[in-house]
Amino acid sequence: MKISCGTDIIEIDRIKQSIENLGDAFLNRVFTENEIKYCESKNNQKYQHYAARFTAKEAVFKAVSSNLKDKYSITWKDIEVCNNEQGKPYINLYGINQELFESIDISISHCKKYATANVVILQNELW
């Protein structure tokens, strides 16, 4: 087994500006339909939730990147951030060999100005 981790932080205003300037082009390139639906349901705090999901995707990418052929092997939408019934975030991965990972744990947080995410992955060593 191997443990890998990733972390990311972003100013919420950067995501807000991207959404306001690029609109659906940005949203549909970065976020899944489920993520957009979730964030839009947060009304006045939607930008915090978009930013949190953005940082989560970056953190996951950093943690899984050693298992990728190259950085173009994965897209934004191959990483989906969901929440269980208790509100705890979890990750769905698409287009990546799931056998590589024993478990993925993620923590997301945001405040008025910043969003951050940390991920820890327990990797199977298949070779």
Protein backbone atom coordinates (compact mmCIF):
# COMPACT_ATOMS: atom_id res chain seq x y z
CA MET A 1 0.00 0.00 0.00
CA LYS A 2 1.02 3.57 -0.64
CA ILE A 3 -0.45 6.77 0.79
CA SER A 4 -0.67 9.90 -1.33
CA CYS A 5 -2.15 13.26 -0.50
CA GLY A 6 -3.12 16.50 -2.17
CA THR A 7 -4.21 19.91 -0.98
CA ASP A 8 -5.43 23.09 -2.59
CA ILE A 9 -6.73 26.54 -1.65
CA ILE A 10 -8.33 29.25 -3.77
CA GLU A 11 -9.87 32.69 -3.40
CA ILE A 12 -13.62 32.37 -3.87
CA ASP A 13 -13.66 35.59 -5.92
CA ARG A 14 -11.50 33.91 -8.62
CA ILE A 15 -14.16 31.25 -9.15
CA LYS A 16 -16.96 33.83 -8.96
CA GLN A 17 -15.25 35.94 -11.65
CA SER A 18 -14.73 32.91 -13.89
CA ILE A 19 -18.40 32.00 -13.61
CA GLU A 20 -19.56 35.56 -14.18
CA ASN A 21 -17.20 36.11 -17.15
CA LEU A 22 -17.42 32.70 -18.84
CA GLY A 23 -20.78 31.43 -17.60
CA ASP A 24 -21.89 28.00 -18.76
CA ALA A 25 -18.69 27.47 -20.76
CA PHE A 26 -16.70 27.45 -17.53
CA LEU A 27 -19.29 25.57 -15.47
CA ASN A 28 -19.78 22.80 -18.03
CA ARG A 29 -16.03 22.35 -18.57
CA VAL A 30 -15.19 22.01 -14.87
CA PHE A 31 -18.26 20.70 -13.05
CA THR A 32 -20.60 17.75 -13.53
CA GLU A 33 -24.34 18.22 -13.82
CA ASN A 34 -24.78 16.97 -10.24
CA GLU A 35 -22.18 19.42 -8.91
CA ILE A 36 -23.82 22.36 -10.69
CA LYS A 37 -27.23 21.38 -9.35
CA TYR A 38 -25.83 21.11 -5.80
CA CYS A 39 -23.98 24.45 -5.92
CA GLU A 40 -26.87 26.33 -7.50
CA SER A 41 -29.12 25.10 -4.67
CA LYS A 42 -26.95 27.05 -2.21
CA ASN A 43 -28.24 30.44 -3.46
CA ASN A 44 -26.12 33.22 -1.89
CA GLN A 45 -23.31 30.82 -0.97
CA LYS A 46 -23.11 29.06 -4.33
CA TYR A 47 -19.71 30.55 -5.17
CA GLN A 48 -18.24 29.16 -1.95
CA HIS A 49 -19.48 25.70 -2.90
CA TYR A 50 -18.20 25.96 -6.48
CA ALA A 51 -14.81 27.06 -5.15
CA ALA A 52 -14.75 24.22 -2.62
CA ARG A 53 -15.44 21.68 -5.35
CA PHE A 54 -12.79 23.25 -7.56
CA THR A 55 -10.18 22.90 -4.80
CA ALA A 56 -11.31 19.34 -4.15
CA LYS A 57 -10.74 18.44 -7.80
CA GLU A 58 -7.28 20.03 -7.69
CA ALA A 59 -6.40 18.17 -4.48
CA VAL A 60 -7.55 14.85 -5.96
CA PHE A 61 -5.57 15.48 -9.13
CA LYS A 62 -2.45 16.12 -7.07
CA ALA A 63 -2.97 12.89 -5.13
CA VAL A 64 -3.64 10.66 -8.16
CA SER A 65 -1.20 12.28 -10.60
CA SER A 66 1.58 9.76 -9.93
CA ASN A 67 -0.73 7.06 -11.35
CA LEU A 68 -1.48 8.91 -14.59
CA LYS A 69 0.25 8.52 -17.92
CA ASP A 70 0.36 12.30 -18.21
CA LYS A 71 -1.59 15.27 -16.91
CA TYR A 72 -3.97 15.08 -19.86
CA SER A 73 -5.13 11.59 -18.85
CA ILE A 74 -7.82 13.11 -16.64
CA THR A 75 -10.33 15.91 -17.09
CA TRP A 76 -12.11 18.12 -14.58
CA LYS A 77 -15.30 16.12 -14.93
CA ASP A 78 -13.51 12.81 -14.27
CA ILE A 79 -13.48 13.92 -10.62
CA GLU A 80 -16.92 14.43 -9.10
CA VAL A 81 -17.49 15.74 -5.58
CA CYS A 82 -20.65 14.40 -3.91
CA ASN A 83 -22.04 14.44 -0.39
CA ASN A 84 -23.47 11.53 1.58
CA GLU A 85 -26.69 11.79 3.60
CA GLN A 86 -24.82 13.31 6.55
CA GLY A 87 -23.23 15.95 4.28
CA LYS A 88 -19.71 14.46 4.28
CA PRO A 89 -18.06 14.88 0.89
CA TYR A 90 -16.83 11.93 -1.11
CA ILE A 91 -15.27 11.50 -4.55
CA ASN A 92 -16.45 9.63 -7.62
CA LEU A 93 -13.73 9.01 -10.20
CA TYR A 94 -14.42 8.35 -13.87
CA GLY A 95 -11.96 7.28 -16.54
CA ILE A 96 -9.40 6.13 -13.96
CA ASN A 97 -8.62 2.54 -13.03
CA GLN A 98 -10.50 2.16 -9.72
CA GLU A 99 -8.37 -0.86 -8.76
CA LEU A 100 -5.50 1.54 -8.09
CA PHE A 101 -7.21 2.96 -5.00
CA GLU A 102 -8.17 1.24 -1.77
CA SER A 103 -9.82 4.35 -0.35
CA ILE A 104 -10.11 8.10 -0.83
CA ASP A 105 -10.84 10.49 2.04
CA ILE A 106 -11.50 14.17 1.48
CA SER A 107 -12.08 17.20 3.65
CA ILE A 108 -13.43 20.47 2.23
CA SER A 109 -13.82 23.83 3.96
CA HIS A 110 -14.70 27.36 2.98
CA CYS A 111 -15.23 30.76 4.54
CA LYS A 112 -16.11 34.15 3.11
CA LYS A 113 -12.87 34.57 1.11
CA TYR A 114 -11.25 31.15 0.67
CA ALA A 115 -12.03 27.52 -0.06
CA THR A 116 -9.68 24.64 0.66
CA ALA A 117 -9.58 20.87 0.30
CA ASN A 118 -7.34 18.06 1.49
CA VAL A 119 -7.40 14.52 0.18
CA VAL A 120 -5.65 11.34 1.33
CA ILE A 121 -5.62 8.28 -0.90
CA LEU A 122 -4.63 4.78 0.06
CA GLN A 123 -3.28 3.24 -3.15
CA ASN A 124 -2.97 -0.40 -4.06
CA GLU A 125 0.37 -1.34 -5.55
CA LEU A 126 -0.52 -3.51 -8.53
CA TRP A 127 2.98 -4.29 -9.73
